[in-house]
Amino acid sequence: MVEFIDCTSLNINFDVYGMATVSYTLVSDEPGLKAYDTISAGGRTFNGYITGISMNQIPGTSNWYENHVTLIATAT
């Protein structure tokens, strides 16, 4: 199995209370919902709860899938 986070898809937004909404796309060569609840980026670690996930096959491929994930997290 091969899977990786598409770095260009990473989006992090903070609210006024310091909570972060982290969205990213996980690319995999196996079907099925996959997600991480801990992400490290920009020297910070975001740990929280997955609030949304969807999966679809990447158009034009026979065995590559993308999982679009939204995470509500705190940063350390």
N, C-alpha and C. Protein backbone atom coordinates (compact mmCIF):
# COMPACT_ATOMS: atom_id res chain seq x y z
N MET A 1 0.84 -1.17 0.00
CA MET A 1 0.00 0.00 0.00
C MET A 1 0.89 1.25 0.00
N VAL A 2 0.51 2.21 -0.80
CA VAL A 2 1.19 3.50 -0.86
C VAL A 2 0.16 4.57 -0.51
N GLU A 3 0.52 5.48 0.42
CA GLU A 3 -0.36 6.60 0.72
C GLU A 3 0.48 7.79 1.15
N PHE A 4 -0.02 8.98 0.81
CA PHE A 4 0.69 10.20 1.17
C PHE A 4 -0.30 11.35 1.20
N ILE A 5 0.06 12.39 1.93
CA ILE A 5 -0.76 13.60 1.97
C ILE A 5 -0.29 14.51 0.85
N ASP A 6 -1.22 14.95 0.03
CA ASP A 6 -0.92 15.91 -1.03
C ASP A 6 -0.65 17.26 -0.37
N CYS A 7 0.61 17.65 -0.33
CA CYS A 7 1.02 18.87 0.38
C CYS A 7 0.31 20.12 -0.13
N THR A 8 0.00 20.17 -1.42
CA THR A 8 -0.67 21.35 -1.96
C THR A 8 -2.11 21.46 -1.47
N SER A 9 -2.66 20.38 -0.92
CA SER A 9 -4.04 20.41 -0.44
C SER A 9 -4.15 20.86 1.02
N LEU A 10 -3.04 20.93 1.73
CA LEU A 10 -3.06 21.25 3.16
C LEU A 10 -3.51 22.69 3.38
N ASN A 11 -4.55 22.86 4.20
CA ASN A 11 -5.09 24.17 4.51
C ASN A 11 -5.37 24.23 6.01
N ILE A 12 -4.83 25.24 6.69
CA ILE A 12 -4.98 25.38 8.14
C ILE A 12 -5.53 26.76 8.44
N ASN A 13 -6.64 26.80 9.18
CA ASN A 13 -7.26 28.07 9.58
C ASN A 13 -7.49 28.04 11.09
N PHE A 14 -7.15 29.14 11.76
CA PHE A 14 -7.37 29.27 13.20
C PHE A 14 -8.58 30.15 13.47
N ASP A 15 -9.37 29.79 14.49
CA ASP A 15 -10.46 30.67 14.91
C ASP A 15 -9.98 31.54 16.07
N VAL A 16 -10.84 32.41 16.57
CA VAL A 16 -10.44 33.35 17.63
C VAL A 16 -10.14 32.66 18.95
N TYR A 17 -10.57 31.41 19.10
CA TYR A 17 -10.32 30.65 20.33
C TYR A 17 -9.06 29.79 20.25
N GLY A 18 -8.36 29.85 19.12
CA GLY A 18 -7.13 29.08 18.96
C GLY A 18 -7.32 27.68 18.41
N MET A 19 -8.57 27.32 18.09
CA MET A 19 -8.82 26.01 17.48
C MET A 19 -8.47 26.10 15.99
N ALA A 20 -7.94 25.03 15.46
CA ALA A 20 -7.56 25.00 14.05
C ALA A 20 -8.47 24.07 13.28
N THR A 21 -8.85 24.51 12.10
CA THR A 21 -9.53 23.63 11.15
C THR A 21 -8.47 23.26 10.11
N VAL A 22 -8.19 21.98 10.02
CA VAL A 22 -7.16 21.49 9.12
C VAL A 22 -7.85 20.64 8.06
N SER A 23 -7.66 20.98 6.81
CA SER A 23 -8.18 20.14 5.73
C SER A 23 -7.01 19.70 4.86
N TYR A 24 -7.11 18.45 4.39
CA TYR A 24 -6.04 17.89 3.57
C TYR A 24 -6.60 16.75 2.72
N THR A 25 -5.83 16.34 1.73
CA THR A 25 -6.19 15.21 0.87
C THR A 25 -5.15 14.13 1.04
N LEU A 26 -5.61 12.94 1.39
CA LEU A 26 -4.75 11.77 1.53
C LEU A 26 -4.92 10.93 0.26
N VAL A 27 -3.83 10.67 -0.45
CA VAL A 27 -3.86 9.89 -1.69
C VAL A 27 -3.39 8.48 -1.38
N SER A 28 -4.11 7.48 -1.91
CA SER A 28 -3.79 6.09 -1.62
C SER A 28 -4.04 5.22 -2.85
N ASP A 29 -3.34 4.09 -2.91
CA ASP A 29 -3.57 3.15 -4.00
C ASP A 29 -4.53 2.03 -3.59
N GLU A 30 -5.20 2.18 -2.44
CA GLU A 30 -6.21 1.23 -1.98
C GLU A 30 -7.50 1.98 -1.68
N PRO A 31 -8.65 1.42 -2.09
CA PRO A 31 -9.92 2.09 -1.79
C PRO A 31 -10.24 1.99 -0.30
N GLY A 32 -11.11 2.87 0.16
CA GLY A 32 -11.54 2.87 1.56
C GLY A 32 -11.22 4.19 2.21
N LEU A 33 -12.01 4.54 3.22
CA LEU A 33 -11.80 5.79 3.94
C LEU A 33 -10.56 5.70 4.81
N LYS A 34 -9.68 6.67 4.66
CA LYS A 34 -8.44 6.73 5.43
C LYS A 34 -8.23 8.16 5.89
N ALA A 35 -7.76 8.34 7.11
CA ALA A 35 -7.52 9.69 7.62
C ALA A 35 -6.60 9.62 8.83
N TYR A 36 -5.95 10.75 9.11
CA TYR A 36 -5.12 10.88 10.30
C TYR A 36 -5.74 11.95 11.19
N ASP A 37 -5.71 11.72 12.51
CA ASP A 37 -6.22 12.74 13.43
C ASP A 37 -5.09 13.56 14.05
N THR A 38 -3.86 13.30 13.63
CA THR A 38 -2.70 14.09 14.03
C THR A 38 -1.88 14.42 12.78
N ILE A 39 -1.62 15.70 12.58
CA ILE A 39 -0.87 16.18 11.41
C ILE A 39 0.22 17.12 11.91
N SER A 40 1.43 16.98 11.40
CA SER A 40 2.51 17.92 11.71
C SER A 40 2.79 18.76 10.48
N ALA A 41 2.81 20.08 10.67
CA ALA A 41 3.08 21.00 9.57
C ALA A 41 3.59 22.32 10.13
N GLY A 42 4.55 22.90 9.46
CA GLY A 42 5.05 24.21 9.85
C GLY A 42 5.62 24.26 11.26
N GLY A 43 6.21 23.15 11.70
CA GLY A 43 6.80 23.12 13.03
C GLY A 43 5.79 22.96 14.16
N ARG A 44 4.52 22.70 13.82
CA ARG A 44 3.48 22.52 14.83
C ARG A 44 2.81 21.18 14.61
N THR A 45 2.26 20.62 15.68
CA THR A 45 1.51 19.38 15.60
C THR A 45 0.06 19.68 15.91
N PHE A 46 -0.83 19.26 15.00
CA PHE A 46 -2.26 19.47 15.15
C PHE A 46 -2.89 18.13 15.50
N ASN A 47 -3.58 18.09 16.63
CA ASN A 47 -4.20 16.87 17.12
C ASN A 47 -5.65 17.16 17.44
N GLY A 48 -6.57 16.35 16.90
CA GLY A 48 -7.97 16.62 17.15
C GLY A 48 -8.90 15.53 16.68
N TYR A 49 -10.06 15.97 16.16
CA TYR A 49 -11.13 15.05 15.77
C TYR A 49 -11.48 15.25 14.30
N ILE A 50 -11.70 14.15 13.61
CA ILE A 50 -12.10 14.20 12.22
C ILE A 50 -13.58 14.56 12.18
N THR A 51 -13.91 15.63 11.47
CA THR A 51 -15.30 16.07 11.37
C THR A 51 -15.90 15.82 10.00
N GLY A 52 -15.07 15.49 9.02
CA GLY A 52 -15.58 15.20 7.69
C GLY A 52 -14.57 14.42 6.88
N ILE A 53 -15.09 13.47 6.09
CA ILE A 53 -14.22 12.68 5.21
C ILE A 53 -15.04 12.18 4.03
N SER A 54 -14.44 12.22 2.87
CA SER A 54 -15.07 11.65 1.68
C SER A 54 -13.98 11.06 0.80
N MET A 55 -14.34 10.04 0.02
CA MET A 55 -13.36 9.36 -0.82
C MET A 55 -13.89 9.27 -2.23
N ASN A 56 -13.00 9.42 -3.21
CA ASN A 56 -13.36 9.16 -4.60
C ASN A 56 -12.12 8.70 -5.36
N GLN A 57 -12.37 8.00 -6.45
CA GLN A 57 -11.27 7.56 -7.31
C GLN A 57 -10.77 8.76 -8.10
N ILE A 58 -9.45 8.85 -8.27
CA ILE A 58 -8.88 9.94 -9.04
C ILE A 58 -9.19 9.68 -10.52
N PRO A 59 -9.83 10.65 -11.18
CA PRO A 59 -10.21 10.46 -12.59
C PRO A 59 -9.00 10.13 -13.46
N GLY A 60 -9.20 9.19 -14.38
CA GLY A 60 -8.15 8.82 -15.32
C GLY A 60 -7.17 7.79 -14.77
N THR A 61 -7.41 7.31 -13.54
CA THR A 61 -6.54 6.27 -12.97
C THR A 61 -7.36 5.02 -12.72
N SER A 62 -6.68 3.90 -12.61
CA SER A 62 -7.41 2.66 -12.35
C SER A 62 -7.36 2.25 -10.88
N ASN A 63 -6.38 2.77 -10.12
CA ASN A 63 -6.30 2.32 -8.73
C ASN A 63 -5.74 3.39 -7.79
N TRP A 64 -6.04 4.67 -8.02
CA TRP A 64 -5.62 5.72 -7.10
C TRP A 64 -6.86 6.43 -6.57
N TYR A 65 -6.87 6.68 -5.26
CA TYR A 65 -8.03 7.24 -4.58
C TYR A 65 -7.60 8.44 -3.73
N GLU A 66 -8.50 9.39 -3.58
CA GLU A 66 -8.22 10.52 -2.71
C GLU A 66 -9.28 10.60 -1.62
N ASN A 67 -8.81 10.85 -0.40
CA ASN A 67 -9.67 11.03 0.76
C ASN A 67 -9.56 12.49 1.18
N HIS A 68 -10.66 13.21 1.12
CA HIS A 68 -10.70 14.61 1.53
C HIS A 68 -11.11 14.64 3.00
N VAL A 69 -10.25 15.20 3.85
CA VAL A 69 -10.42 15.11 5.30
C VAL A 69 -10.48 16.51 5.90
N THR A 70 -11.37 16.69 6.89
CA THR A 70 -11.41 17.90 7.68
C THR A 70 -11.23 17.51 9.14
N LEU A 71 -10.36 18.23 9.82
CA LEU A 71 -9.97 17.93 11.21
C LEU A 71 -10.11 19.20 12.03
N ILE A 72 -10.75 19.12 13.19
CA ILE A 72 -10.78 20.22 14.15
C ILE A 72 -9.75 19.88 15.21
N ALA A 73 -8.79 20.78 15.42
CA ALA A 73 -7.64 20.40 16.25
C ALA A 73 -7.11 21.57 17.09
N THR A 74 -6.29 21.20 18.06
CA THR A 74 -5.48 22.16 18.78
C THR A 74 -4.05 21.98 18.29
N ALA A 75 -3.26 23.03 18.41
CA ALA A 75 -1.88 22.99 17.92
C ALA A 75 -0.92 23.09 19.09
N THR A 76 0.15 22.30 19.02
CA THR A 76 1.21 22.37 20.03
C THR A 76 2.53 22.61 19.35
